[in-house]
């Protein structure tokens, strides 16, 4: 039987992997965006777990809002990344930080 502890350990493991992805790879914007999405996935897992075990639908409603915001963030982030790649031919953060606006 899978208990709430198993789900929480899984969610904590996903969160730690995403934090490690952010700290280890600070050079590639695309991998940073993927790490942030993985972090949101682990948070959504916690919301669903506690919502299920407390028989309350509020956590699941929060998950829908977080997924909507994450989808918008991914779409806008990918559009920015594609336009920067067309401009600089690189996804290196040091190259992009030289842009002046």
C-alpha atoms as a PDB file:
ATOM      1  CA  UNK A   1       0.000   0.000   0.000  1.00  0.00           C
ATOM      2  CA  UNK A   2       1.298   3.401  -0.960  1.00  0.00           C
ATOM      3  CA  UNK A   3       0.977   5.898   1.881  1.00  0.00           C
ATOM      4  CA  UNK A   4       1.199   9.667   2.011  1.00  0.00           C
ATOM      5  CA  UNK A   5       4.851   9.354   3.032  1.00  0.00           C
ATOM      6  CA  UNK A   6       5.737   7.701  -0.269  1.00  0.00           C
ATOM      7  CA  UNK A   7       4.108  10.512  -2.215  1.00  0.00           C
ATOM      8  CA  UNK A   8       5.827  13.174  -0.113  1.00  0.00           C
ATOM      9  CA  UNK A   9       9.214  11.533  -0.603  1.00  0.00           C
ATOM     10  CA  UNK A  10       8.566  11.417  -4.359  1.00  0.00           C
ATOM     11  CA  UNK A  11       7.593  15.090  -4.366  1.00  0.00           C
ATOM     12  CA  UNK A  12      10.633  16.061  -2.284  1.00  0.00           C
ATOM     13  CA  UNK A  13      12.871  14.118  -4.652  1.00  0.00           C
ATOM     14  CA  UNK A  14      11.405  15.941  -7.665  1.00  0.00           C
ATOM     15  CA  UNK A  15      11.884  19.265  -5.899  1.00  0.00           C
ATOM     16  CA  UNK A  16      15.517  18.486  -5.025  1.00  0.00           C
ATOM     17  CA  UNK A  17      16.255  17.440  -8.610  1.00  0.00           C
ATOM     18  CA  UNK A  18      14.798  20.700  -9.897  1.00  0.00           C
ATOM     19  CA  UNK A  19      16.759  22.821  -7.409  1.00  0.00           C
ATOM     20  CA  UNK A  20      19.925  20.944  -8.361  1.00  0.00           C
ATOM     21  CA  UNK A  21      19.129  21.571 -12.023  1.00  0.00           C
ATOM     22  CA  UNK A  22      18.834  25.282 -11.352  1.00  0.00           C
ATOM     23  CA  UNK A  23      22.068  25.526  -9.368  1.00  0.00           C
ATOM     24  CA  UNK A  24      24.181  23.177 -11.483  1.00  0.00           C
ATOM     25  CA  UNK A  25      23.177  24.465 -14.903  1.00  0.00           C
ATOM     26  CA  UNK A  26      23.042  28.228 -14.925  1.00  0.00           C
ATOM     27  CA  UNK A  27      24.296  28.509 -18.499  1.00  0.00           C
ATOM     28  CA  UNK A  28      21.377  27.243 -20.557  1.00  0.00           C
ATOM     29  CA  UNK A  29      18.057  29.085 -20.364  1.00  0.00           C
ATOM     30  CA  UNK A  30      16.060  26.160 -21.710  1.00  0.00           C
ATOM     31  CA  UNK A  31      17.239  23.830 -18.946  1.00  0.00           C
ATOM     32  CA  UNK A  32      16.505  26.496 -16.339  1.00  0.00           C
ATOM     33  CA  UNK A  33      12.950  26.749 -17.658  1.00  0.00           C
ATOM     34  CA  UNK A  34      12.577  22.970 -17.533  1.00  0.00           C
ATOM     35  CA  UNK A  35      13.844  22.913 -13.936  1.00  0.00           C
ATOM     36  CA  UNK A  36      11.291  25.528 -12.923  1.00  0.00           C
ATOM     37  CA  UNK A  37       8.530  23.470 -14.543  1.00  0.00           C
ATOM     38  CA  UNK A  38       9.718  20.379 -12.646  1.00  0.00           C
ATOM     39  CA  UNK A  39       9.591  22.388  -9.432  1.00  0.00           C
ATOM     40  CA  UNK A  40       6.001  23.410 -10.150  1.00  0.00           C
ATOM     41  CA  UNK A  41       5.174  19.761 -10.844  1.00  0.00           C
ATOM     42  CA  UNK A  42       6.458  18.721  -7.416  1.00  0.00           C
ATOM     43  CA  UNK A  43       4.417  21.462  -5.769  1.00  0.00           C
ATOM     44  CA  UNK A  44       1.326  20.334  -7.677  1.00  0.00           C
ATOM     45  CA  UNK A  45       1.956  16.796  -6.481  1.00  0.00           C
ATOM     46  CA  UNK A  46       1.882  18.019  -2.880  1.00  0.00           C
ATOM     47  CA  UNK A  47      -1.364  19.897  -3.470  1.00  0.00           C
ATOM     48  CA  UNK A  48      -3.011  16.816  -4.963  1.00  0.00           C
ATOM     49  CA  UNK A  49      -1.748  14.535  -2.176  1.00  0.00           C
ATOM     50  CA  UNK A  50      -3.030  16.709   0.634  1.00  0.00           C
ATOM     51  CA  UNK A  51      -6.261  17.416  -1.204  1.00  0.00           C
ATOM     52  CA  UNK A  52      -6.911  13.707  -1.623  1.00  0.00           C
ATOM     53  CA  UNK A  53      -6.077  12.766   1.955  1.00  0.00           C
ATOM     54  CA  UNK A  54      -8.095  15.617   3.481  1.00  0.00           C
ATOM     55  CA  UNK A  55     -11.107  15.032   1.170  1.00  0.00           C
ATOM     56  CA  UNK A  56     -11.080  18.678   0.098  1.00  0.00           C
ATOM     57  CA  UNK A  57     -11.125  19.873  -3.496  1.00  0.00           C
ATOM     58  CA  UNK A  58      -9.329  23.169  -2.815  1.00  0.00           C
ATOM     59  CA  UNK A  59      -5.872  21.745  -3.518  1.00  0.00           C
ATOM     60  CA  UNK A  60      -6.985  20.408  -6.863  1.00  0.00           C
ATOM     61  CA  UNK A  61      -8.394  23.818  -7.803  1.00  0.00           C
ATOM     62  CA  UNK A  62      -5.011  25.375  -6.976  1.00  0.00           C
ATOM     63  CA  UNK A  63      -3.364  22.810  -9.240  1.00  0.00           C
ATOM     64  CA  UNK A  64      -5.495  23.939 -12.185  1.00  0.00           C
ATOM     65  CA  UNK A  65      -4.517  27.566 -11.585  1.00  0.00           C
ATOM     66  CA  UNK A  66      -0.833  26.671 -11.264  1.00  0.00           C
ATOM     67  CA  UNK A  67      -0.975  24.610 -14.457  1.00  0.00           C
ATOM     68  CA  UNK A  68      -2.589  27.509 -16.318  1.00  0.00           C
ATOM     69  CA  UNK A  69       0.081  29.940 -15.132  1.00  0.00           C
ATOM     70  CA  UNK A  70       2.849  27.421 -15.919  1.00  0.00           C
ATOM     71  CA  UNK A  71       1.516  26.915 -19.447  1.00  0.00           C
ATOM     72  CA  UNK A  72       1.459  30.664 -20.034  1.00  0.00           C
ATOM     73  CA  UNK A  73       4.952  30.997 -18.580  1.00  0.00           C
ATOM     74  CA  UNK A  74       6.263  28.234 -20.822  1.00  0.00           C
ATOM     75  CA  UNK A  75       4.695  29.720 -23.940  1.00  0.00           C
ATOM     76  CA  UNK A  76       6.041  33.199 -23.282  1.00  0.00           C
ATOM     77  CA  UNK A  77       9.416  31.888 -22.121  1.00  0.00           C
ATOM     78  CA  UNK A  78       9.818  29.728 -25.210  1.00  0.00           C
ATOM     79  CA  UNK A  79       8.860  32.641 -27.463  1.00  0.00           C
ATOM     80  CA  UNK A  80      11.508  34.814 -25.802  1.00  0.00           C
ATOM     81  CA  UNK A  81      14.083  32.033 -26.043  1.00  0.00           C
ATOM     82  CA  UNK A  82      13.375  31.490 -29.753  1.00  0.00           C
ATOM     83  CA  UNK A  83      13.660  35.202 -30.511  1.00  0.00           C
ATOM     84  CA  UNK A  84      16.924  35.481 -28.522  1.00  0.00           C
ATOM     85  CA  UNK A  85      18.306  32.421 -30.280  1.00  0.00           C
ATOM     86  CA  UNK A  86      17.501  33.950 -33.666  1.00  0.00           C
ATOM     87  CA  UNK A  87      19.203  37.165 -32.595  1.00  0.00           C
ATOM     88  CA  UNK A  88      22.351  35.745 -30.950  1.00  0.00           C
ATOM     89  CA  UNK A  89      22.510  32.129 -32.268  1.00  0.00           C
ATOM     90  CA  UNK A  90      23.141  30.923 -28.718  1.00  0.00           C
ATOM     91  CA  UNK A  91      21.232  30.091 -25.541  1.00  0.00           C
ATOM     92  CA  UNK A  92      24.174  30.970 -23.304  1.00  0.00           C
ATOM     93  CA  UNK A  93      23.165  33.338 -20.519  1.00  0.00           C
ATOM     94  CA  UNK A  94      26.474  35.242 -20.664  1.00  0.00           C
ATOM     95  CA  UNK A  95      25.867  36.033 -24.331  1.00  0.00           C
ATOM     96  CA  UNK A  96      22.331  37.181 -23.671  1.00  0.00           C
ATOM     97  CA  UNK A  97      23.315  39.319 -20.668  1.00  0.00           C
ATOM     98  CA  UNK A  98      25.267  41.594 -23.035  1.00  0.00           C
ATOM     99  CA  UNK A  99      21.997  42.809 -24.573  1.00  0.00           C
ATOM    100  CA  UNK A 100      21.174  46.403 -23.776  1.00  0.00           C
ATOM    101  CA  UNK A 101      17.685  47.816 -23.981  1.00  0.00           C
END
